[in-house]
Amino acid sequence: MGEAPKPAREAANALKVKGIDLSQIYSENVLGKIVQVAQKGSKLPAPLATYPHTVAQTGPDAGRYEYREADFWTCGFFPGSIYTLIERSIKYPRVIDVPSHPPAQLKDQLLNLGRHWSAAINQMSGRTDTHDMGFIVQPALQKDYESTGNTESLESVVKAAYALASRYDERVKAIRSWDVAINDRYSITDMDENFLVIIDSMCNLDLLYWVGHIQQDERLIQIATQHADTIIHEILRSDHSSYHLVNFSPKTGKPQAKMTNQGHKDDSTWSRGQAWSIMGFAQTYTWTRDTKYLFTAIECAKYFLRRCEEGKGKWHHPLVPAWDFDAPQEDEKEPLRDVSAGVITANGLVIIHQALQALSAEEAQKLAGSDTDFLQVALAIVDETLDMALDRDFASVESQATVNGDGAANAPLAVKESGFEAILRHSTANHNEHAHKPYWDHGLVYADYFLLEFGNKLLRAGYL
């Protein structure tokens, strides 16, 4: 006789890819932490006025989210985390390991929370004062449409794409990122004389491509592609490292200054900016199939990984990047990290890996210039991240919710709360010496989102 099949719960816990245990990305703790924060917001009237941003690791407010105004650029990531769990409950129920709550019940509970947290985002989807519309609407609203067919969410995503496109300038051949840039070093406020573009902008192009194809609007696609070309020529350096911020002249279309706002120095390489370049160019390749964008993504990734390699033998977990690759470290054995840069990069590396797999061996070798297994590297980054930065005060789901005849949960999920509301520690949002309010070494809402999104990318690809 053969072995008896493993119990479902034990099998669900065996979530490994290439030998790396990823079960914490799909754990009850993840569900519990997201729900404990989401339920607090659900007690407030929608649209919500503030959204989670950072979690301090020390001080009087340690463990609890600091909230930012609803129109801050990070507002989409917490509801996006809710929707990563909704996507799992609908499409990948085998990774849901909460025996007292079947995935169908979880979906209903989470969808109620997700819709509540998305109300403000739907209302702001026509904003033309920011380039961050992809970050704002895609994590929750696009996933809502893709998972449930909600046409209100689709309409908001379409509206957001056209709002973003309105910031494109034909002379600069780019989308204006910021209207102003103000810190203790400079104050750039005259939009007639300045046109600010940041490397982060690469990751909002996916919105234009998606809606461009949904609407069969070639102009949106052309704007996105031209913007990517401008980033290659003016924000990437010859070694494929990146500036953070370039100030163009709107009159001539030429760069006036290349600087930083969140990194260490103007000529340093801010690790999260480099991460945005990796993921953004990889996404651009998936839409255009122009291999110059895949090559650019690969070269940006190689630069990132070379700089991480410099930490080998100097400090632990070298694949968890320093917040800026060129910043001096107060403690050479314990550099200030940015976990978010690592998990964003891991997402980009998965896209690169899949793109290379679809090419002939000869073409893939020519583009990559090596036999690097980008999936293996992505997994190694996440493995080191979980080992170093996973908060160990775990949340859990406590008891069975009451259900009615159609199987939808009536009662809120009962959560045994964690004392630390973020999933990951050790991110650094902004440690520039001239920032009005620097943030460093904390939990960060988009580090958690991109960790969960990484987990979903693996599920979509069939790796789990």
Protein backbone atom coordinates (compact mmCIF):
# COMPACT_ATOMS: atom_id res chain seq x y z
CA MET A 1 0.00 0.00 0.00
CA GLY A 2 1.18 3.54 -0.67
CA GLU A 3 1.47 6.26 1.90
CA ALA A 4 -1.74 7.82 3.13
CA PRO A 5 -2.27 11.31 1.72
CA LYS A 6 -1.05 14.12 3.94
CA PRO A 7 -3.72 16.07 5.80
CA ALA A 8 -4.81 19.15 3.89
CA ARG A 9 -3.45 21.54 6.51
CA GLU A 10 -0.01 19.92 6.47
CA ALA A 11 0.05 19.96 2.69
CA ALA A 12 -0.95 23.62 2.63
CA ASN A 13 1.97 24.43 4.88
CA ALA A 14 4.43 22.89 2.42
CA LEU A 15 4.68 26.03 0.34
CA LYS A 16 8.15 25.84 -1.16
CA VAL A 17 9.64 26.97 -4.44
CA LYS A 18 13.14 25.76 -5.32
CA GLY A 19 13.49 24.57 -1.74
CA ILE A 20 12.68 27.95 -0.16
CA ASP A 21 9.88 27.93 2.40
CA LEU A 22 7.37 30.67 1.62
CA SER A 23 4.61 29.60 3.99
CA GLN A 24 4.80 32.82 6.00
CA ILE A 25 3.61 34.78 2.96
CA TYR A 26 0.39 32.74 2.98
CA SER A 27 0.03 32.28 6.74
CA GLU A 28 -2.83 32.94 9.10
CA ASN A 29 -0.63 35.67 10.58
CA VAL A 30 -0.78 37.62 7.31
CA LEU A 31 -4.56 37.37 7.20
CA GLY A 32 -4.83 38.30 10.87
CA LYS A 33 -2.62 41.38 10.60
CA ILE A 34 -4.42 42.75 7.55
CA VAL A 35 -7.85 42.09 9.07
CA GLN A 36 -7.02 43.61 12.46
CA VAL A 37 -6.17 46.92 10.80
CA ALA A 38 -8.96 46.71 8.22
CA GLN A 39 -11.64 46.14 10.84
CA LYS A 40 -10.64 49.27 12.73
CA GLY A 41 -11.16 51.27 9.56
CA SER A 42 -14.49 49.57 8.90
CA LYS A 43 -15.87 51.13 12.09
CA LEU A 44 -15.38 54.59 10.57
CA PRO A 45 -17.64 56.04 7.87
CA ALA A 46 -16.55 55.78 4.27
CA PRO A 47 -14.84 57.43 2.49
CA LEU A 48 -11.98 57.12 4.96
CA ALA A 49 -10.00 60.29 5.66
CA THR A 50 -6.65 58.61 6.38
CA TYR A 51 -4.74 55.48 5.34
CA PRO A 52 -1.94 53.37 6.91
CA HIS A 53 1.61 54.39 6.09
CA THR A 54 4.42 53.47 8.52
CA VAL A 55 4.74 51.50 11.76
CA ALA A 56 7.33 52.75 14.24
CA GLN A 57 9.53 50.08 15.82
CA THR A 58 10.38 52.17 18.90
CA GLY A 59 8.89 55.01 20.90
CA PRO A 60 5.45 55.65 22.36
CA ASP A 61 3.60 54.71 19.17
CA ALA A 62 5.62 51.58 18.44
CA GLY A 63 3.67 48.83 16.74
CA ARG A 64 0.77 50.94 15.48
CA TYR A 65 0.31 52.41 12.05
CA GLU A 66 0.88 56.10 11.55
CA TYR A 67 -1.77 57.24 9.09
CA ARG A 68 -1.47 59.72 6.24
CA GLU A 69 -4.16 61.78 4.53
CA ALA A 70 -6.31 59.87 2.05
CA ASP A 71 -4.81 61.61 -0.97
CA PHE A 72 -1.23 60.64 -0.06
CA TRP A 73 0.36 58.49 -2.75
CA THR A 74 0.45 55.33 -0.62
CA CYS A 75 -3.31 55.15 0.00
CA GLY A 76 -3.85 52.28 -2.45
CA PHE A 77 -1.50 49.80 -0.86
CA PHE A 78 -3.39 48.79 2.26
CA PRO A 79 -6.65 48.10 0.41
CA GLY A 80 -4.44 46.44 -2.18
CA SER A 81 -3.23 44.04 0.50
CA ILE A 82 -6.85 43.18 1.27
CA TYR A 83 -7.38 42.40 -2.41
CA THR A 84 -4.33 40.15 -2.62
CA LEU A 85 -6.08 38.03 0.01
CA ILE A 86 -9.38 38.22 -1.89
CA GLU A 87 -7.62 37.01 -5.03
CA ARG A 88 -6.21 34.06 -3.08
CA SER A 89 -9.58 33.17 -1.58
CA ILE A 90 -11.21 33.14 -5.04
CA LYS A 91 -8.49 31.71 -7.30
CA TYR A 92 -6.10 29.86 -4.97
CA PRO A 93 -8.14 28.58 -2.02
CA ARG A 94 -5.66 25.75 -1.42
CA VAL A 95 -3.20 28.23 0.10
CA ILE A 96 -5.76 29.51 2.61
CA ASP A 97 -4.89 27.77 5.88
CA VAL A 98 -7.61 28.91 8.26
CA PRO A 99 -9.57 25.73 9.08
CA SER A 100 -12.36 27.55 10.92
CA HIS A 101 -13.09 29.83 7.96
CA PRO A 102 -13.48 28.29 4.48
CA PRO A 103 -12.14 30.50 1.66
CA ALA A 104 -15.65 31.34 0.39
CA GLN A 105 -16.51 32.85 3.77
CA LEU A 106 -13.21 34.71 3.90
CA LYS A 107 -13.86 36.15 0.47
CA ASP A 108 -17.18 37.64 1.59
CA GLN A 109 -15.65 39.10 4.75
CA LEU A 110 -12.63 40.50 2.93
CA LEU A 111 -14.68 41.89 0.07
CA ASN A 112 -16.79 43.91 2.49
CA LEU A 113 -13.59 45.31 3.99
CA GLY A 114 -12.00 45.93 0.61
CA ARG A 115 -14.99 47.83 -0.75
CA HIS A 116 -15.14 49.98 2.42
CA TRP A 117 -11.44 50.83 2.16
CA SER A 118 -11.78 51.55 -1.58
CA ALA A 119 -14.53 54.16 -1.36
CA ALA A 120 -12.14 57.10 -1.08
CA ILE A 121 -10.00 55.73 -3.90
CA ASN A 122 -12.99 55.50 -6.23
CA GLN A 123 -13.80 59.11 -5.41
CA MET A 124 -10.28 60.37 -6.18
CA SER A 125 -9.75 58.37 -9.38
CA GLY A 126 -10.00 61.44 -11.60
CA ARG A 127 -7.17 63.33 -9.90
CA THR A 128 -4.85 65.18 -12.24
CA ASP A 129 -2.53 66.57 -9.55
CA THR A 130 -0.34 63.47 -9.21
CA HIS A 131 1.40 60.85 -11.36
CA ASP A 132 0.81 58.14 -8.76
CA MET A 133 -2.54 57.04 -10.14
CA GLY A 134 -1.26 53.55 -10.87
CA PHE A 135 -0.14 53.09 -7.27
CA ILE A 136 -3.43 54.55 -6.07
CA VAL A 137 -5.97 52.58 -8.14
CA GLN A 138 -4.36 49.39 -9.38
CA PRO A 139 -3.63 47.45 -6.16
CA ALA A 140 -7.29 47.47 -5.08
CA LEU A 141 -9.58 48.70 -7.84
CA GLN A 142 -8.03 46.85 -10.77
CA LYS A 143 -7.90 43.67 -8.69
CA ASP A 144 -11.52 44.22 -7.70
CA TYR A 145 -12.56 44.33 -11.33
CA GLU A 146 -10.38 41.38 -12.30
CA SER A 147 -11.60 39.25 -9.38
CA THR A 148 -15.28 40.22 -9.17
CA GLY A 149 -16.17 42.09 -12.36
CA ASN A 150 -17.10 45.24 -10.42
CA THR A 151 -17.76 47.81 -13.16
CA GLU A 152 -17.50 50.76 -10.76
CA SER A 153 -13.89 49.81 -10.11
CA LEU A 154 -13.22 49.43 -13.84
CA GLU A 155 -14.64 52.88 -14.52
CA SER A 156 -12.39 54.35 -11.82
CA VAL A 157 -9.28 52.67 -13.22
CA VAL A 158 -10.07 53.93 -16.72
CA LYS A 159 -10.66 57.44 -15.38
CA ALA A 160 -7.34 57.29 -13.51
CA ALA A 161 -5.42 56.37 -16.67
CA TYR A 162 -6.76 59.37 -18.56
CA ALA A 163 -6.04 61.60 -15.57
CA LEU A 164 -2.45 60.35 -15.60
CA ALA A 165 -2.13 60.87 -19.35
CA SER A 166 -3.21 64.49 -18.93
CA ARG A 167 0.16 65.13 -17.24
CA TYR A 168 2.12 64.18 -20.36
CA ASP A 169 4.08 66.93 -22.10
CA GLU A 170 4.98 66.52 -25.75
CA ARG A 171 8.05 68.75 -25.52
CA VAL A 172 9.56 66.92 -22.54
CA LYS A 173 8.21 63.60 -23.84
CA ALA A 174 7.38 62.52 -20.31
CA ILE A 175 4.64 62.57 -17.70
CA ARG A 176 5.09 65.18 -15.00
CA SER A 177 5.63 63.31 -11.73
CA TRP A 178 5.41 66.08 -9.16
CA ASP A 179 4.05 69.59 -9.37
CA VAL A 180 6.47 70.81 -6.70
CA ALA A 181 9.49 69.53 -4.77
CA ILE A 182 10.22 71.15 -1.43
CA ASN A 183 12.68 70.19 1.28
CA ASP A 184 15.25 71.97 3.45
CA ARG A 185 17.67 72.26 0.50
CA TYR A 186 15.48 73.43 -2.38
CA SER A 187 12.02 74.71 -3.18
CA ILE A 188 10.90 73.99 -6.74
CA THR A 189 7.40 75.36 -7.19
CA ASP A 190 7.16 77.17 -10.54
CA MET A 191 5.59 74.70 -12.98
CA ASP A 192 6.20 77.05 -15.90
CA GLU A 193 9.96 76.77 -15.33
CA ASN A 194 10.25 73.23 -13.95
CA PHE A 195 9.05 69.77 -14.97
CA LEU A 196 9.83 67.14 -12.34
CA VAL A 197 10.14 63.45 -13.24
CA ILE A 198 11.14 60.69 -10.82
CA ILE A 199 12.27 57.12 -11.37
CA ASP A 200 9.22 55.82 -9.46
CA SER A 201 7.14 56.90 -12.47
CA MET A 202 8.12 53.72 -14.32
CA CYS A 203 5.72 51.73 -12.17
CA ASN A 204 2.69 53.85 -13.06
CA LEU A 205 3.03 53.09 -16.78
CA ASP A 206 1.37 49.70 -16.32
CA LEU A 207 -1.90 51.58 -15.75
CA LEU A 208 -1.63 53.32 -19.11
CA TYR A 209 -0.83 50.12 -20.96
CA TRP A 210 -3.66 48.17 -19.34
CA VAL A 211 -6.30 50.81 -19.97
CA GLY A 212 -4.85 51.58 -23.39
CA HIS A 213 -5.55 48.00 -24.41
CA ILE A 214 -8.90 47.81 -22.59
CA GLN A 215 -10.05 50.96 -24.38
CA GLN A 216 -8.13 50.31 -27.62
CA ASP A 217 -6.59 53.75 -27.19
CA GLU A 218 -3.20 53.78 -28.86
CA ARG A 219 -2.41 57.24 -27.48
CA LEU A 220 -2.21 55.93 -23.90
CA ILE A 221 0.15 53.20 -25.05
CA GLN A 222 2.33 55.66 -26.96
CA ILE A 223 2.55 58.01 -23.96
CA ALA A 224 3.69 55.17 -21.73
CA THR A 225 6.32 53.98 -24.19
CA GLN A 226 7.68 57.45 -24.87
CA HIS A 227 7.93 58.11 -21.13
CA ALA A 228 9.92 54.88 -20.69
CA ASP A 229 12.30 55.99 -23.43
CA THR A 230 12.83 59.34 -21.74
CA ILE A 231 13.63 57.59 -18.46
CA ILE A 232 16.25 55.46 -20.26
CA HIS A 233 17.91 58.48 -21.81
CA GLU A 234 17.75 60.96 -18.93
CA ILE A 235 17.27 59.23 -15.55
CA LEU A 236 19.32 56.06 -15.99
CA ARG A 237 23.09 56.46 -15.90
CA SER A 238 25.43 54.62 -18.27
CA ASP A 239 25.88 51.79 -15.73
CA HIS A 240 22.08 51.44 -15.39
CA SER A 241 21.97 52.93 -11.92
CA SER A 242 19.33 55.61 -11.52
CA TYR A 243 18.93 59.17 -10.45
CA HIS A 244 15.88 59.76 -8.31
CA LEU A 245 14.70 63.09 -9.72
CA VAL A 246 15.31 64.97 -12.95
CA ASN A 247 14.10 68.53 -13.41
CA PHE A 248 13.40 69.28 -17.07
CA SER A 249 12.77 72.65 -18.65
CA PRO A 250 9.19 72.62 -19.94
CA LYS A 251 10.29 75.20 -22.52
CA THR A 252 13.15 73.26 -24.07
CA GLY A 253 12.35 69.71 -22.95
CA LYS A 254 15.96 69.32 -21.76
CA PRO A 255 17.16 68.36 -18.25
CA GLN A 256 18.09 71.27 -16.01
CA ALA A 257 19.22 69.30 -12.97
CA LYS A 258 19.57 65.69 -11.81
CA MET A 259 19.13 65.27 -8.09
CA THR A 260 17.53 63.30 -5.28
CA ASN A 261 14.67 63.88 -2.89
CA GLN A 262 14.66 60.67 -0.86
CA GLY A 263 18.11 59.20 -1.47
CA HIS A 264 21.47 60.09 0.13
CA LYS A 265 22.98 62.42 -2.46
CA ASP A 266 22.18 63.60 -5.97
CA ASP A 267 24.72 61.20 -7.51
CA SER A 268 24.08 58.26 -5.18
CA THR A 269 21.82 55.30 -5.99
CA TRP A 270 18.75 55.14 -3.80
CA SER A 271 17.92 51.46 -3.58
CA ARG A 272 14.17 51.77 -3.82
CA GLY A 273 14.50 53.99 -6.87
CA GLN A 274 16.60 51.25 -8.46
CA ALA A 275 13.91 48.74 -7.51
CA TRP A 276 11.23 50.83 -9.23
CA SER A 277 13.36 50.85 -12.38
CA ILE A 278 13.69 47.05 -12.37
CA MET A 279 10.00 46.37 -11.96
CA GLY A 280 8.87 49.22 -14.20
CA PHE A 281 11.00 48.26 -17.20
CA ALA A 282 10.08 44.60 -16.76
CA GLN A 283 6.40 45.57 -16.83
CA THR A 284 6.96 47.76 -19.88
CA TYR A 285 8.49 44.80 -21.72
CA THR A 286 5.47 42.60 -20.98
CA TRP A 287 3.27 45.14 -22.79
CA THR A 288 5.52 46.17 -25.67
CA ARG A 289 7.53 42.98 -26.26
CA ASP A 290 10.38 45.27 -27.24
CA THR A 291 13.47 43.55 -25.89
CA LYS A 292 15.25 46.84 -25.22
CA TYR A 293 13.02 47.23 -22.17
CA LEU A 294 13.74 43.69 -20.98
CA PHE A 295 17.46 44.32 -21.49
CA THR A 296 17.14 47.55 -19.49
CA ALA A 297 15.29 45.78 -16.67
CA ILE A 298 17.98 43.09 -16.58
CA GLU A 299 20.83 45.60 -16.49
CA CYS A 300 19.11 47.60 -13.74
CA ALA A 301 18.70 44.33 -11.82
CA LYS A 302 22.33 43.38 -12.31
CA TYR A 303 23.38 46.73 -10.89
CA PHE A 304 21.10 46.24 -7.86
CA LEU A 305 22.45 42.75 -7.21
CA ARG A 306 26.09 43.81 -7.64
CA ARG A 307 25.61 46.45 -5.01
CA CYS A 308 23.97 43.93 -2.66
CA GLU A 309 26.94 41.62 -3.21
CA GLU A 310 29.17 44.29 -1.68
CA GLY A 311 27.60 43.47 1.68
CA LYS A 312 28.64 39.83 1.62
CA GLY A 313 31.05 39.18 4.47
CA LYS A 314 30.41 42.66 5.87
CA TRP A 315 26.90 42.32 7.29
CA HIS A 316 24.17 39.74 7.68
CA HIS A 317 21.41 39.26 5.08
CA PRO A 318 23.17 41.18 2.28
CA LEU A 319 20.24 40.70 -0.12
CA VAL A 320 18.16 42.96 2.13
CA PRO A 321 19.49 46.17 0.59
CA ALA A 322 20.88 49.22 2.30
CA TRP A 323 18.50 52.15 1.95
CA ASP A 324 20.96 53.87 -0.41
CA PHE A 325 23.84 51.95 -1.95
CA ASP A 326 26.22 54.88 -1.53
CA ALA A 327 25.19 56.22 1.87
CA PRO A 328 27.74 56.02 4.69
CA GLN A 329 26.75 53.60 7.44
CA GLU A 330 26.85 54.61 11.09
CA ASP A 331 27.45 50.95 11.95
CA GLU A 332 29.36 49.10 9.21
CA LYS A 333 28.08 45.74 10.47
CA GLU A 334 24.47 46.88 10.71
CA PRO A 335 23.58 49.18 7.80
CA LEU A 336 20.25 50.94 7.62
CA ARG A 337 18.08 48.83 5.31
CA ASP A 338 15.07 49.28 3.09
CA VAL A 339 13.15 46.02 3.03
CA SER A 340 10.64 47.54 0.60
CA ALA A 341 13.37 47.95 -2.04
CA GLY A 342 14.15 44.25 -1.78
CA VAL A 343 10.60 42.96 -2.15
CA ILE A 344 9.85 45.38 -5.02
CA THR A 345 12.96 44.09 -6.77
CA ALA A 346 11.88 40.50 -6.15
CA ASN A 347 8.60 41.25 -7.96
CA GLY A 348 10.53 42.65 -10.90
CA LEU A 349 12.84 39.64 -11.02
CA VAL A 350 9.90 37.25 -11.29
CA ILE A 351 8.65 39.20 -14.32
CA ILE A 352 12.13 39.09 -15.86
CA HIS A 353 12.40 35.35 -15.24
CA GLN A 354 9.07 34.64 -16.92
CA ALA A 355 9.97 36.87 -19.87
CA LEU A 356 13.26 35.05 -20.42
CA GLN A 357 11.55 31.66 -20.16
CA ALA A 358 9.35 32.61 -23.12
CA LEU A 359 12.35 33.38 -25.36
CA SER A 360 14.63 30.98 -27.15
CA ALA A 361 17.66 29.90 -25.16
CA GLU A 362 19.91 31.81 -27.54
CA GLU A 363 17.95 35.06 -27.30
CA ALA A 364 17.60 34.77 -23.52
CA GLN A 365 21.35 34.22 -23.17
CA LYS A 366 22.07 37.20 -25.40
CA LEU A 367 19.82 39.49 -23.36
CA ALA A 368 20.80 38.28 -19.90
CA GLY A 369 24.50 37.88 -20.67
CA SER A 370 24.72 35.17 -18.03
CA ASP A 371 23.00 32.09 -16.71
CA THR A 372 21.53 33.94 -13.74
CA ASP A 373 18.34 32.30 -12.50
CA PHE A 374 16.37 35.44 -11.71
CA LEU A 375 13.60 33.45 -10.04
CA GLN A 376 16.13 31.86 -7.70
CA VAL A 377 17.56 35.29 -6.87
CA ALA A 378 14.08 36.69 -6.22
CA LEU A 379 13.36 33.81 -3.87
CA ALA A 380 16.68 34.35 -2.10
CA ILE A 381 15.85 38.02 -1.54
CA VAL A 382 12.48 37.13 -0.06
CA ASP A 383 13.99 34.31 2.01
CA GLU A 384 16.52 36.68 3.57
CA THR A 385 13.81 39.30 4.03
CA LEU A 386 11.55 36.93 5.92
CA ASP A 387 14.42 35.69 8.07
CA MET A 388 15.58 39.20 8.99
CA ALA A 389 12.47 41.37 8.88
CA LEU A 390 9.34 39.28 9.50
CA ASP A 391 7.71 40.54 12.67
CA ARG A 392 7.41 37.58 15.03
CA ASP A 393 4.45 38.83 17.07
CA PHE A 394 1.97 36.82 15.03
CA ALA A 395 -1.74 37.48 14.68
CA SER A 396 -4.28 34.70 14.26
CA VAL A 397 -7.94 34.14 13.49
CA GLU A 398 -9.71 32.87 16.57
CA SER A 399 -13.17 31.50 16.00
CA GLN A 400 -15.81 30.45 13.51
CA ALA A 401 -17.95 33.27 12.16
CA THR A 402 -21.72 32.86 12.10
CA VAL A 403 -22.96 32.05 8.63
CA ASN A 404 -26.37 32.31 7.07
CA GLY A 405 -28.04 30.00 4.62
CA ASP A 406 -26.14 31.15 1.56
CA GLY A 407 -22.76 30.67 3.24
CA ALA A 408 -21.83 34.35 3.59
CA ALA A 409 -20.26 35.29 6.92
CA ASN A 410 -22.37 37.59 9.06
CA ALA A 411 -20.04 38.23 11.98
CA PRO A 412 -16.66 39.95 11.72
CA LEU A 413 -13.63 37.70 11.84
CA ALA A 414 -12.37 37.37 15.39
CA VAL A 415 -8.65 38.14 15.39
CA LYS A 416 -6.08 37.59 18.08
CA GLU A 417 -4.20 40.78 17.40
CA SER A 418 -0.50 41.33 17.00
CA GLY A 419 1.20 44.14 18.90
CA PHE A 420 2.93 45.16 15.65
CA GLU A 421 0.54 45.94 12.82
CA ALA A 422 2.89 45.55 9.85
CA ILE A 423 4.04 42.19 8.51
CA LEU A 424 7.62 43.30 7.86
CA ARG A 425 10.04 45.52 9.78
CA HIS A 426 13.13 47.47 8.67
CA SER A 427 11.97 49.60 5.75
CA THR A 428 13.13 53.17 5.18
CA ALA A 429 10.73 55.52 3.41
CA ASN A 430 12.94 58.62 3.31
CA HIS A 431 16.27 59.19 5.04
CA ASN A 432 17.43 62.15 2.99
CA GLU A 433 19.24 64.60 5.27
CA HIS A 434 17.19 67.52 3.93
CA ALA A 435 13.75 65.90 4.29
CA HIS A 436 11.26 67.83 6.42
CA LYS A 437 10.29 64.61 8.18
CA PRO A 438 12.55 61.63 7.50
CA TYR A 439 11.30 58.09 8.18
CA TRP A 440 13.66 55.21 8.72
CA ASP A 441 13.72 51.66 10.10
CA HIS A 442 10.00 50.98 10.36
CA GLY A 443 7.18 48.86 9.04
CA LEU A 444 5.88 50.19 5.73
CA VAL A 445 2.54 49.59 4.07
CA TYR A 446 3.91 49.00 0.57
CA ALA A 447 6.63 46.65 1.76
CA ASP A 448 3.82 44.43 3.04
CA TYR A 449 1.79 44.87 -0.16
CA PHE A 450 4.66 43.91 -2.44
CA LEU A 451 5.47 40.90 -0.25
CA LEU A 452 1.88 39.67 -0.64
CA GLU A 453 1.86 40.54 -4.35
CA PHE A 454 5.08 38.55 -4.77
CA GLY A 455 3.27 35.57 -3.27
CA ASN A 456 0.40 36.02 -5.72
CA LYS A 457 2.78 36.31 -8.67
CA LEU A 458 4.13 32.88 -7.80
CA LEU A 459 0.61 31.48 -7.63
CA ARG A 460 -0.36 32.99 -10.99
CA ALA A 461 2.76 31.53 -12.57
CA GLY A 462 1.97 28.07 -11.21
CA TYR A 463 5.13 27.86 -9.09
CA LEU A 464 3.06 26.86 -6.06
